[in-house]
Amino acid sequence: ERTFRTSAMGWFRPAPGKEREFVAAMRWSEGSTQYENAL
């Protein structure tokens, strides 16, 4: 959607013991980023 009101987007991948583990994310408006430390 062009008018999609996004506050953040991220990437995940499967991991043992849980459905998905966090990889990276971004707050959409200002572009600040977060990463899983090991990655």
PDB file of all heavy atoms in Angstrom:
ATOM      1  N   GLU A   1       0.817  -1.201   0.000  1.00  0.00           N
ATOM      2  CA  GLU A   1       0.000   0.000   0.000  1.00  0.00           C
ATOM      3  C   GLU A   1       0.851   1.252   0.000  1.00  0.00           C
ATOM      4  O   GLU A   1       1.756   1.414   0.791  1.00  0.00           O
ATOM      5  CB  GLU A   1      -0.910   0.024   1.228  1.00  0.00           C
ATOM      6  CG  GLU A   1      -1.975  -1.041   1.206  1.00  0.00           C
ATOM      7  CD  GLU A   1      -2.912  -0.911   2.376  1.00  0.00           C
ATOM      8  OE1 GLU A   1      -2.673  -0.063   3.251  1.00  0.00           O
ATOM      9  OE2 GLU A   1      -3.903  -1.657   2.415  1.00  0.00           O
ATOM     10  N   ARG A   2       0.507   2.175  -0.848  1.00  0.00           N
ATOM     11  CA  ARG A   2       1.236   3.425  -0.932  1.00  0.00           C
ATOM     12  C   ARG A   2       1.070   4.252   0.333  1.00  0.00           C
ATOM     13  O   ARG A   2       1.979   4.929   0.771  1.00  0.00           O
ATOM     14  CB  ARG A   2       0.711   4.226  -2.118  1.00  0.00           C
ATOM     15  CG  ARG A   2       1.734   5.033  -2.834  1.00  0.00           C
ATOM     16  CD  ARG A   2       1.091   5.789  -3.936  1.00  0.00           C
ATOM     17  NE  ARG A   2       1.690   5.455  -5.183  1.00  0.00           N
ATOM     18  CZ  ARG A   2       1.462   6.123  -6.302  1.00  0.00           C
ATOM     19  NH1 ARG A   2       0.610   7.103  -6.316  1.00  0.00           N
ATOM     20  NH2 ARG A   2       2.066   5.779  -7.409  1.00  0.00           N
ATOM     21  N   THR A   3      -0.094   4.231   0.911  1.00  0.00           N
ATOM     22  CA  THR A   3      -0.372   5.053   2.094  1.00  0.00           C
ATOM     23  C   THR A   3      -0.196   4.263   3.368  1.00  0.00           C
ATOM     24  O   THR A   3      -0.717   4.626   4.418  1.00  0.00           O
ATOM     25  CB  THR A   3      -1.807   5.611   2.028  1.00  0.00           C
ATOM     26  OG1 THR A   3      -2.699   4.507   1.914  1.00  0.00           O
ATOM     27  CG2 THR A   3      -1.972   6.528   0.842  1.00  0.00           C
ATOM     28  N   PHE A   4       0.498   3.223   3.288  1.00  0.00           N
ATOM     29  CA  PHE A   4       0.744   2.343   4.418  1.00  0.00           C
ATOM     30  C   PHE A   4       1.400   3.135   5.550  1.00  0.00           C
ATOM     31  O   PHE A   4       2.466   3.700   5.388  1.00  0.00           O
ATOM     32  CB  PHE A   4       1.663   1.229   3.953  1.00  0.00           C
ATOM     33  CG  PHE A   4       1.985   0.202   4.983  1.00  0.00           C
ATOM     34  CD1 PHE A   4       1.055  -0.193   5.913  1.00  0.00           C
ATOM     35  CD2 PHE A   4       3.221  -0.382   4.998  1.00  0.00           C
ATOM     36  CE1 PHE A   4       1.357  -1.160   6.846  1.00  0.00           C
ATOM     37  CE2 PHE A   4       3.540  -1.355   5.928  1.00  0.00           C
ATOM     38  CZ  PHE A   4       2.610  -1.741   6.854  1.00  0.00           C
ATOM     39  N   ARG A   5       0.730   3.205   6.699  1.00  0.00           N
ATOM     40  CA  ARG A   5       1.243   3.955   7.847  1.00  0.00           C
ATOM     41  C   ARG A   5       2.208   3.088   8.640  1.00  0.00           C
ATOM     42  O   ARG A   5       1.831   2.436   9.609  1.00  0.00           O
ATOM     43  CB  ARG A   5       0.094   4.415   8.725  1.00  0.00           C
ATOM     44  CG  ARG A   5      -0.823   5.405   8.041  1.00  0.00           C
ATOM     45  CD  ARG A   5      -1.920   5.886   8.965  1.00  0.00           C
ATOM     46  NE  ARG A   5      -2.786   6.853   8.313  1.00  0.00           N
ATOM     47  CZ  ARG A   5      -2.558   8.147   8.312  1.00  0.00           C
ATOM     48  NH1 ARG A   5      -1.507   8.631   8.910  1.00  0.00           N
ATOM     49  NH2 ARG A   5      -3.381   8.963   7.709  1.00  0.00           N
ATOM     50  N   THR A   6       3.440   3.137   8.241  1.00  0.00           N
ATOM     51  CA  THR A   6       4.454   2.294   8.847  1.00  0.00           C
ATOM     52  C   THR A   6       5.223   3.040   9.918  1.00  0.00           C
ATOM     53  O   THR A   6       5.705   4.137   9.664  1.00  0.00           O
ATOM     54  CB  THR A   6       5.450   1.838   7.770  1.00  0.00           C
ATOM     55  OG1 THR A   6       4.741   1.242   6.702  1.00  0.00           O
ATOM     56  CG2 THR A   6       6.442   0.838   8.333  1.00  0.00           C
ATOM     57  N   SER A   7       5.327   2.469  11.098  1.00  0.00           N
ATOM     58  CA  SER A   7       6.169   3.073  12.117  1.00  0.00           C
ATOM     59  C   SER A   7       7.510   2.361  12.224  1.00  0.00           C
ATOM     60  O   SER A   7       8.495   2.955  12.660  1.00  0.00           O
ATOM     61  CB  SER A   7       5.469   3.077  13.479  1.00  0.00           C
ATOM     62  OG  SER A   7       5.169   1.745  13.874  1.00  0.00           O
ATOM     63  N   ALA A   8       7.532   1.082  11.823  1.00  0.00           N
ATOM     64  CA  ALA A   8       8.797   0.346  11.849  1.00  0.00           C
ATOM     65  C   ALA A   8       8.689  -0.878  10.957  1.00  0.00           C
ATOM     66  O   ALA A   8       7.594  -1.394  10.712  1.00  0.00           O
ATOM     67  CB  ALA A   8       9.145  -0.087  13.264  1.00  0.00           C
ATOM     68  N   MET A   9       9.830  -1.317  10.474  1.00  0.00           N
ATOM     69  CA  MET A   9       9.901  -2.574   9.724  1.00  0.00           C
ATOM     70  C   MET A   9      11.138  -3.332  10.170  1.00  0.00           C
ATOM     71  O   MET A   9      12.112  -2.722  10.635  1.00  0.00           O
ATOM     72  CB  MET A   9       9.951  -2.324   8.217  1.00  0.00           C
ATOM     73  CG  MET A   9       8.666  -1.748   7.661  1.00  0.00           C
ATOM     74  SD  MET A   9       8.645  -1.596   5.845  1.00  0.00           S
ATOM     75  CE  MET A   9       8.458  -3.310   5.346  1.00  0.00           C
ATOM     76  N   GLY A  10      11.077  -4.632  10.025  1.00  0.00           N
ATOM     77  CA  GLY A  10      12.207  -5.432  10.484  1.00  0.00           C
ATOM     78  C   GLY A  10      12.348  -6.729   9.729  1.00  0.00           C
ATOM     79  O   GLY A  10      11.504  -7.073   8.898  1.00  0.00           O
ATOM     80  N   TRP A  11      13.447  -7.424  10.033  1.00  0.00           N
ATOM     81  CA  TRP A  11      13.718  -8.735   9.462  1.00  0.00           C
ATOM     82  C   TRP A  11      13.935  -9.740  10.594  1.00  0.00           C
ATOM     83  O   TRP A  11      14.607  -9.446  11.596  1.00  0.00           O
ATOM     84  CB  TRP A  11      14.979  -8.693   8.591  1.00  0.00           C
ATOM     85  CG  TRP A  11      14.853  -7.915   7.333  1.00  0.00           C
ATOM     86  CD1 TRP A  11      15.165  -6.595   7.144  1.00  0.00           C
ATOM     87  CD2 TRP A  11      14.358  -8.393   6.073  1.00  0.00           C
ATOM     88  NE1 TRP A  11      14.911  -6.229   5.841  1.00  0.00           N
ATOM     89  CE2 TRP A  11      14.417  -7.310   5.166  1.00  0.00           C
ATOM     90  CE3 TRP A  11      13.879  -9.620   5.616  1.00  0.00           C
ATOM     91  CZ2 TRP A  11      14.018  -7.442   3.823  1.00  0.00           C
ATOM     92  CZ3 TRP A  11      13.492  -9.741   4.295  1.00  0.00           C
ATOM     93  CH2 TRP A  11      13.561  -8.656   3.412  1.00  0.00           C
ATOM     94  N   PHE A  12      13.373 -10.931  10.388  1.00  0.00           N
ATOM     95  CA  PHE A  12      13.523 -12.030  11.336  1.00  0.00           C
ATOM     96  C   PHE A  12      13.890 -13.291  10.569  1.00  0.00           C
ATOM     97  O   PHE A  12      13.696 -13.373   9.351  1.00  0.00           O
ATOM     98  CB  PHE A  12      12.206 -12.272  12.091  1.00  0.00           C
ATOM     99  CG  PHE A  12      11.869 -11.224  13.109  1.00  0.00           C
ATOM    100  CD1 PHE A  12      11.416  -9.972  12.726  1.00  0.00           C
ATOM    101  CD2 PHE A  12      12.002 -11.496  14.458  1.00  0.00           C
ATOM    102  CE1 PHE A  12      11.107  -9.005  13.668  1.00  0.00           C
ATOM    103  CE2 PHE A  12      11.680 -10.541  15.407  1.00  0.00           C
ATOM    104  CZ  PHE A  12      11.234  -9.296  15.010  1.00  0.00           C
ATOM    105  N   ARG A  13      14.387 -14.294  11.281  1.00  0.00           N
ATOM    106  CA  ARG A  13      14.653 -15.602  10.675  1.00  0.00           C
ATOM    107  C   ARG A  13      14.396 -16.666  11.727  1.00  0.00           C
ATOM    108  O   ARG A  13      14.450 -16.388  12.923  1.00  0.00           O
ATOM    109  CB  ARG A  13      16.082 -15.674  10.151  1.00  0.00           C
ATOM    110  CG  ARG A  13      17.148 -15.644  11.227  1.00  0.00           C
ATOM    111  CD  ARG A  13      18.530 -15.608  10.610  1.00  0.00           C
ATOM    112  NE  ARG A  13      19.573 -15.745  11.625  1.00  0.00           N
ATOM    113  CZ  ARG A  13      20.870 -15.665  11.395  1.00  0.00           C
ATOM    114  NH1 ARG A  13      21.321 -15.444  10.145  1.00  0.00           N
ATOM    115  NH2 ARG A  13      21.743 -15.813  12.365  1.00  0.00           N
ATOM    116  N   PRO A  14      14.130 -17.889  11.325  1.00  0.00           N
ATOM    117  CA  PRO A  14      13.858 -18.955  12.292  1.00  0.00           C
ATOM    118  C   PRO A  14      15.088 -19.235  13.153  1.00  0.00           C
ATOM    119  O   PRO A  14      16.223 -19.029  12.719  1.00  0.00           O
ATOM    120  CB  PRO A  14      13.524 -20.164  11.420  1.00  0.00           C
ATOM    121  CG  PRO A  14      13.126 -19.584  10.109  1.00  0.00           C
ATOM    122  CD  PRO A  14      13.940 -18.345   9.940  1.00  0.00           C
ATOM    123  N   ALA A  15      14.850 -19.708  14.350  1.00  0.00           N
ATOM    124  CA  ALA A  15      15.934 -20.048  15.263  1.00  0.00           C
ATOM    125  C   ALA A  15      15.505 -21.222  16.137  1.00  0.00           C
ATOM    126  O   ALA A  15      14.316 -21.382  16.412  1.00  0.00           O
ATOM    127  CB  ALA A  15      16.291 -18.855  16.147  1.00  0.00           C
ATOM    128  N   PRO A  16      16.441 -22.045  16.573  1.00  0.00           N
ATOM    129  CA  PRO A  16      16.091 -23.176  17.452  1.00  0.00           C
ATOM    130  C   PRO A  16      15.395 -22.699  18.712  1.00  0.00           C
ATOM    131  O   PRO A  16      15.830 -21.742  19.350  1.00  0.00           O
ATOM    132  CB  PRO A  16      17.466 -23.785  17.765  1.00  0.00           C
ATOM    133  CG  PRO A  16      18.361 -23.342  16.670  1.00  0.00           C
ATOM    134  CD  PRO A  16      17.871 -21.982  16.253  1.00  0.00           C
ATOM    135  N   GLY A  17      14.318 -23.347  19.063  1.00  0.00           N
ATOM    136  CA  GLY A  17      13.633 -23.016  20.306  1.00  0.00           C
ATOM    137  C   GLY A  17      12.638 -21.883  20.215  1.00  0.00           C
ATOM    138  O   GLY A  17      11.937 -21.607  21.182  1.00  0.00           O
ATOM    139  N   LYS A  18      12.579 -21.217  19.104  1.00  0.00           N
ATOM    140  CA  LYS A  18      11.590 -20.152  18.932  1.00  0.00           C
ATOM    141  C   LYS A  18      11.191 -20.090  17.473  1.00  0.00           C
ATOM    142  O   LYS A  18      11.883 -20.620  16.611  1.00  0.00           O
ATOM    143  CB  LYS A  18      12.127 -18.805  19.413  1.00  0.00           C
ATOM    144  CG  LYS A  18      13.460 -18.406  18.870  1.00  0.00           C
ATOM    145  CD  LYS A  18      13.862 -17.033  19.425  1.00  0.00           C
ATOM    146  CE  LYS A  18      15.261 -17.041  19.945  1.00  0.00           C
ATOM    147  NZ  LYS A  18      15.713 -15.716  20.395  1.00  0.00           N
ATOM    148  N   GLU A  19      10.081 -19.415  17.252  1.00  0.00           N
ATOM    149  CA  GLU A  19       9.604 -19.390  15.876  1.00  0.00           C
ATOM    150  C   GLU A  19      10.537 -18.563  15.005  1.00  0.00           C
ATOM    151  O   GLU A  19      10.952 -18.998  13.939  1.00  0.00           O
ATOM    152  CB  GLU A  19       8.185 -18.819  15.824  1.00  0.00           C
ATOM    153  CG  GLU A  19       7.563 -18.938  14.438  1.00  0.00           C
ATOM    154  CD  GLU A  19       6.094 -18.590  14.438  1.00  0.00           C
ATOM    155  OE1 GLU A  19       5.488 -18.537  15.516  1.00  0.00           O
ATOM    156  OE2 GLU A  19       5.559 -18.387  13.350  1.00  0.00           O
ATOM    157  N   ARG A  20      10.851 -17.366  15.458  1.00  0.00           N
ATOM    158  CA  ARG A  20      11.753 -16.503  14.687  1.00  0.00           C
ATOM    159  C   ARG A  20      12.650 -15.710  15.632  1.00  0.00           C
ATOM    160  O   ARG A  20      12.229 -15.349  16.731  1.00  0.00           O
ATOM    161  CB  ARG A  20      10.954 -15.522  13.838  1.00  0.00           C
ATOM    162  CG  ARG A  20      10.058 -16.169  12.798  1.00  0.00           C
ATOM    163  CD  ARG A  20       9.359 -15.114  11.967  1.00  0.00           C
ATOM    164  NE  ARG A  20       8.420 -15.698  11.026  1.00  0.00           N
ATOM    165  CZ  ARG A  20       7.105 -15.630  11.157  1.00  0.00           C
ATOM    166  NH1 ARG A  20       6.591 -15.006  12.188  1.00  0.00           N
ATOM    167  NH2 ARG A  20       6.315 -16.175  10.263  1.00  0.00           N
ATOM    168  N   GLU A  21      13.848 -15.419  15.163  1.00  0.00           N
ATOM    169  CA  GLU A  21      14.741 -14.571  15.936  1.00  0.00           C
ATOM    170  C   GLU A  21      14.935 -13.251  15.196  1.00  0.00           C
ATOM    171  O   GLU A  21      14.887 -13.187  13.969  1.00  0.00           O
ATOM    172  CB  GLU A  21      16.104 -15.240  16.158  1.00  0.00           C
ATOM    173  CG  GLU A  21      16.941 -15.404  14.912  1.00  0.00           C
ATOM    174  CD  GLU A  21      18.341 -15.922  15.213  1.00  0.00           C
ATOM    175  OE1 GLU A  21      18.685 -16.099  16.404  1.00  0.00           O
ATOM    176  OE2 GLU A  21      19.087 -16.147  14.255  1.00  0.00           O
ATOM    177  N   PHE A  22      15.180 -12.226  15.974  1.00  0.00           N
ATOM    178  CA  PHE A  22      15.355 -10.888  15.441  1.00  0.00           C
ATOM    179  C   PHE A  22      16.679 -10.771  14.699  1.00  0.00           C
ATOM    180  O   PHE A  22      17.705 -11.280  15.152  1.00  0.00           O
ATOM    181  CB  PHE A  22      15.312  -9.894  16.599  1.00  0.00           C
ATOM    182  CG  PHE A  22      15.649  -8.487  16.222  1.00  0.00           C
ATOM    183  CD1 PHE A  22      14.743  -7.702  15.537  1.00  0.00           C
ATOM    184  CD2 PHE A  22      16.882  -7.949  16.548  1.00  0.00           C
ATOM    185  CE1 PHE A  22      15.050  -6.406  15.190  1.00  0.00           C
ATOM    186  CE2 PHE A  22      17.204  -6.654  16.209  1.00  0.00           C
ATOM    187  CZ  PHE A  22      16.283  -5.876  15.531  1.00  0.00           C
ATOM    188  N   VAL A  23      16.646 -10.079  13.553  1.00  0.00           N
ATOM    189  CA  VAL A  23      17.857  -9.824  12.787  1.00  0.00           C
ATOM    190  C   VAL A  23      18.175  -8.327  12.802  1.00  0.00           C
ATOM    191  O   VAL A  23      19.247  -7.911  13.226  1.00  0.00           O
ATOM    192  CB  VAL A  23      17.719 -10.317  11.336  1.00  0.00           C
ATOM    193  CG1 VAL A  23      18.952  -9.949  10.517  1.00  0.00           C
ATOM    194  CG2 VAL A  23      17.477 -11.824  11.299  1.00  0.00           C
ATOM    195  N   ALA A  24      17.236  -7.530  12.334  1.00  0.00           N
ATOM    196  CA  ALA A  24      17.460  -6.082  12.257  1.00  0.00           C
ATOM    197  C   ALA A  24      16.117  -5.386  12.102  1.00  0.00           C
ATOM    198  O   ALA A  24      15.140  -6.002  11.662  1.00  0.00           O
ATOM    199  CB  ALA A  24      18.357  -5.727  11.077  1.00  0.00           C
ATOM    200  N   ALA A  25      16.070  -4.100  12.457  1.00  0.00           N
ATOM    201  CA  ALA A  25      14.844  -3.327  12.331  1.00  0.00           C
ATOM    202  C   ALA A  25      15.172  -1.857  12.122  1.00  0.00           C
ATOM    203  O   ALA A  25      16.279  -1.404  12.399  1.00  0.00           O
ATOM    204  CB  ALA A  25      13.967  -3.500  13.564  1.00  0.00           C
ATOM    205  N   MET A  26      14.166  -1.151  11.649  1.00  0.00           N
ATOM    206  CA  MET A  26      14.322   0.277  11.387  1.00  0.00           C
ATOM    207  C   MET A  26      13.039   1.016  11.733  1.00  0.00           C
ATOM    208  O   MET A  26      11.953   0.574  11.359  1.00  0.00           O
ATOM    209  CB  MET A  26      14.653   0.505   9.908  1.00  0.00           C
ATOM    210  CG  MET A  26      14.717   1.964   9.503  1.00  0.00           C
ATOM    211  SD  MET A  26      15.088   2.175   7.753  1.00  0.00           S
ATOM    212  CE  MET A  26      16.836   1.736   7.717  1.00  0.00           C
ATOM    213  N   ARG A  27      13.162   2.090  12.477  1.00  0.00           N
ATOM    214  CA  ARG A  27      12.033   3.004  12.653  1.00  0.00           C
ATOM    215  C   ARG A  27      11.865   3.746  11.332  1.00  0.00           C
ATOM    216  O   ARG A  27      12.800   4.379  10.847  1.00  0.00           O
ATOM    217  CB  ARG A  27      12.302   3.975  13.778  1.00  0.00           C
ATOM    218  CG  ARG A  27      12.111   3.393  15.155  1.00  0.00           C
ATOM    219  CD  ARG A  27      12.396   4.456  16.171  1.00  0.00           C
ATOM    220  NE  ARG A  27      12.103   4.037  17.515  1.00  0.00           N
ATOM    221  CZ  ARG A  27      12.779   4.441  18.570  1.00  0.00           C
ATOM    222  NH1 ARG A  27      13.796   5.274  18.423  1.00  0.00           N
ATOM    223  NH2 ARG A  27      12.441   4.050  19.771  1.00  0.00           N
ATOM    224  N   TRP A  28      10.676   3.697  10.794  1.00  0.00           N
ATOM    225  CA  TRP A  28      10.497   4.093   9.408  1.00  0.00           C
ATOM    226  C   TRP A  28      10.708   5.587   9.166  1.00  0.00           C
ATOM    227  O   TRP A  28      11.304   5.989   8.177  1.00  0.00           O
ATOM    228  CB  TRP A  28       9.094   3.694   8.944  1.00  0.00           C
ATOM    229  CG  TRP A  28       8.947   3.659   7.461  1.00  0.00           C
ATOM    230  CD1 TRP A  28       8.211   4.499   6.695  1.00  0.00           C
ATOM    231  CD2 TRP A  28       9.579   2.738   6.558  1.00  0.00           C
ATOM    232  NE1 TRP A  28       8.333   4.151   5.366  1.00  0.00           N
ATOM    233  CE2 TRP A  28       9.162   3.078   5.256  1.00  0.00           C
ATOM    234  CE3 TRP A  28      10.453   1.668   6.722  1.00  0.00           C
ATOM    235  CZ2 TRP A  28       9.581   2.376   4.127  1.00  0.00           C
ATOM    236  CZ3 TRP A  28      10.882   0.979   5.596  1.00  0.00           C
ATOM    237  CH2 TRP A  28      10.460   1.331   4.332  1.00  0.00           C
ATOM    238  N   SER A  29      10.196   6.434  10.048  1.00  0.00           N
ATOM    239  CA  SER A  29      10.219   7.875   9.787  1.00  0.00           C
ATOM    240  C   SER A  29      11.639   8.434   9.794  1.00  0.00           C
ATOM    241  O   SER A  29      12.038   9.129   8.846  1.00  0.00           O
ATOM    242  CB  SER A  29       9.355   8.612  10.794  1.00  0.00           C
ATOM    243  OG  SER A  29       9.828   8.367  12.100  1.00  0.00           O
ATOM    244  N   GLU A  30      12.419   8.142  10.836  1.00  0.00           N
ATOM    245  CA  GLU A  30      13.751   8.744  10.924  1.00  0.00           C
ATOM    246  C   GLU A  30      14.866   7.836  10.449  1.00  0.00           C
ATOM    247  O   GLU A  30      16.002   8.277  10.302  1.00  0.00           O
ATOM    248  CB  GLU A  30      14.052   9.215  12.351  1.00  0.00           C
ATOM    249  CG  GLU A  30      14.374   8.088  13.322  1.00  0.00           C
ATOM    250  CD  GLU A  30      13.195   7.628  14.123  1.00  0.00           C
ATOM    251  OE1 GLU A  30      12.054   7.743  13.626  1.00  0.00           O
ATOM    252  OE2 GLU A  30      13.406   7.135  15.244  1.00  0.00           O
ATOM    253  N   GLY A  31      14.553   6.566  10.245  1.00  0.00           N
ATOM    254  CA  GLY A  31      15.569   5.670   9.707  1.00  0.00           C
ATOM    255  C   GLY A  31      16.561   5.126  10.711  1.00  0.00           C
ATOM    256  O   GLY A  31      17.589   4.567  10.313  1.00  0.00           O
ATOM    257  N   SER A  32      16.277   5.265  11.996  1.00  0.00           N
ATOM    258  CA  SER A  32      17.195   4.706  12.993  1.00  0.00           C
ATOM    259  C   SER A  32      17.124   3.182  12.954  1.00  0.00           C
ATOM    260  O   SER A  32      16.070   2.611  12.685  1.00  0.00           O
ATOM    261  CB  SER A  32      16.837   5.217  14.388  1.00  0.00           C
ATOM    262  OG  SER A  32      15.524   4.855  14.736  1.00  0.00           O
ATOM    263  N   THR A  33      18.251   2.530  13.205  1.00  0.00           N
ATOM    264  CA  THR A  33      18.334   1.083  13.028  1.00  0.00           C
ATOM    265  C   THR A  33      18.728   0.366  14.310  1.00  0.00           C
ATOM    266  O   THR A  33      19.382   0.936  15.203  1.00  0.00           O
ATOM    267  CB  THR A  33      19.349   0.731  11.934  1.00  0.00           C
ATOM    268  OG1 THR A  33      20.627   1.273  12.283  1.00  0.00           O
ATOM    269  CG2 THR A  33      18.910   1.296  10.593  1.00  0.00           C
ATOM    270  N   GLN A  34      18.331  -0.896  14.369  1.00  0.00           N
ATOM    271  CA  GLN A  34      18.710  -1.776  15.473  1.00  0.00           C
ATOM    272  C   GLN A  34      19.144  -3.113  14.867  1.00  0.00           C
ATOM    273  O   GLN A  34      18.568  -3.565  13.875  1.00  0.00           O
ATOM    274  CB  GLN A  34      17.532  -2.020  16.419  1.00  0.00           C
ATOM    275  CG  GLN A  34      16.961  -0.758  17.029  1.00  0.00           C
ATOM    276  CD  GLN A  34      17.918  -0.100  17.989  1.00  0.00           C
ATOM    277  OE1 GLN A  34      18.733  -0.775  18.627  1.00  0.00           O
ATOM    278  NE2 GLN A  34      17.840   1.216  18.089  1.00  0.00           N
ATOM    279  N   TYR A  35      20.135  -3.748  15.475  1.00  0.00           N
ATOM    280  CA  TYR A  35      20.626  -5.029  14.998  1.00  0.00           C
ATOM    281  C   TYR A  35      20.787  -6.007  16.160  1.00  0.00           C
ATOM    282  O   TYR A  35      21.101  -5.609  17.288  1.00  0.00           O
ATOM    283  CB  TYR A  35      21.995  -4.886  14.320  1.00  0.00           C
ATOM    284  CG  TYR A  35      21.967  -4.106  13.028  1.00  0.00           C
ATOM    285  CD1 TYR A  35      22.182  -2.723  13.026  1.00  0.00           C
ATOM    286  CD2 TYR A  35      21.733  -4.737  11.813  1.00  0.00           C
ATOM    287  CE1 TYR A  35      22.159  -1.999  11.846  1.00  0.00           C
ATOM    288  CE2 TYR A  35      21.711  -4.025  10.626  1.00  0.00           C
ATOM    289  CZ  TYR A  35      21.927  -2.659  10.653  1.00  0.00           C
ATOM    290  OH  TYR A  35      21.900  -1.951   9.475  1.00  0.00           O
ATOM    291  N   GLU A  36      20.601  -7.279  15.853  1.00  0.00           N
ATOM    292  CA  GLU A  36      20.993  -8.313  16.786  1.00  0.00           C
ATOM    293  C   GLU A  36      22.515  -8.218  16.931  1.00  0.00           C
ATOM    294  O   GLU A  36      23.229  -8.153  15.931  1.00  0.00           O
ATOM    295  CB  GLU A  36      20.587  -9.689  16.241  1.00  0.00           C
ATOM    296  CG  GLU A  36      21.172 -10.859  16.992  1.00  0.00           C
ATOM    297  CD  GLU A  36      20.742 -10.878  18.445  1.00  0.00           C
ATOM    298  OE1 GLU A  36      19.595 -10.515  18.723  1.00  0.00           O
ATOM    299  OE2 GLU A  36      21.566 -11.277  19.277  1.00  0.00           O
ATOM    300  N   ASN A  37      22.993  -8.191  18.144  1.00  0.00           N
ATOM    301  CA  ASN A  37      24.414  -7.919  18.376  1.00  0.00           C
ATOM    302  C   ASN A  37      25.335  -8.873  17.620  1.00  0.00           C
ATOM    303  O   ASN A  37      26.354  -8.468  17.062  1.00  0.00           O
ATOM    304  CB  ASN A  37      24.713  -7.989  19.869  1.00  0.00           C
ATOM    305  CG  ASN A  37      24.323  -6.720  20.591  1.00  0.00           C
ATOM    306  OD1 ASN A  37      24.228  -5.661  19.973  1.00  0.00           O
ATOM    307  ND2 ASN A  37      24.098  -6.827  21.883  1.00  0.00           N
ATOM    308  N   ALA A  38      24.972 -10.143  17.619  1.00  0.00           N
ATOM    309  CA  ALA A  38      25.844 -11.142  17.005  1.00  0.00           C
ATOM    310  C   ALA A  38      25.926 -10.997  15.486  1.00  0.00           C
ATOM    311  O   ALA A  38      26.849 -11.511  14.855  1.00  0.00           O
ATOM    312  CB  ALA A  38      25.349 -12.540  17.361  1.00  0.00           C
ATOM    313  N   LEU A  39      24.977 -10.261  14.902  1.00  0.00           N
ATOM    314  CA  LEU A  39      24.928 -10.131  13.456  1.00  0.00           C
ATOM    315  C   LEU A  39      25.419  -8.766  12.976  1.00  0.00           C
ATOM    316  O   LEU A  39      25.583  -8.552  11.770  1.00  0.00           O
ATOM    317  CB  LEU A  39      23.497 -10.350  12.962  1.00  0.00           C
ATOM    318  CG  LEU A  39      22.836 -11.657  13.380  1.00  0.00           C
ATOM    319  CD1 LEU A  39      21.414 -11.712  12.857  1.00  0.00           C
ATOM    320  CD2 LEU A  39      23.640 -12.849  12.896  1.00  0.00           C
TER     321      LEU A  39
END
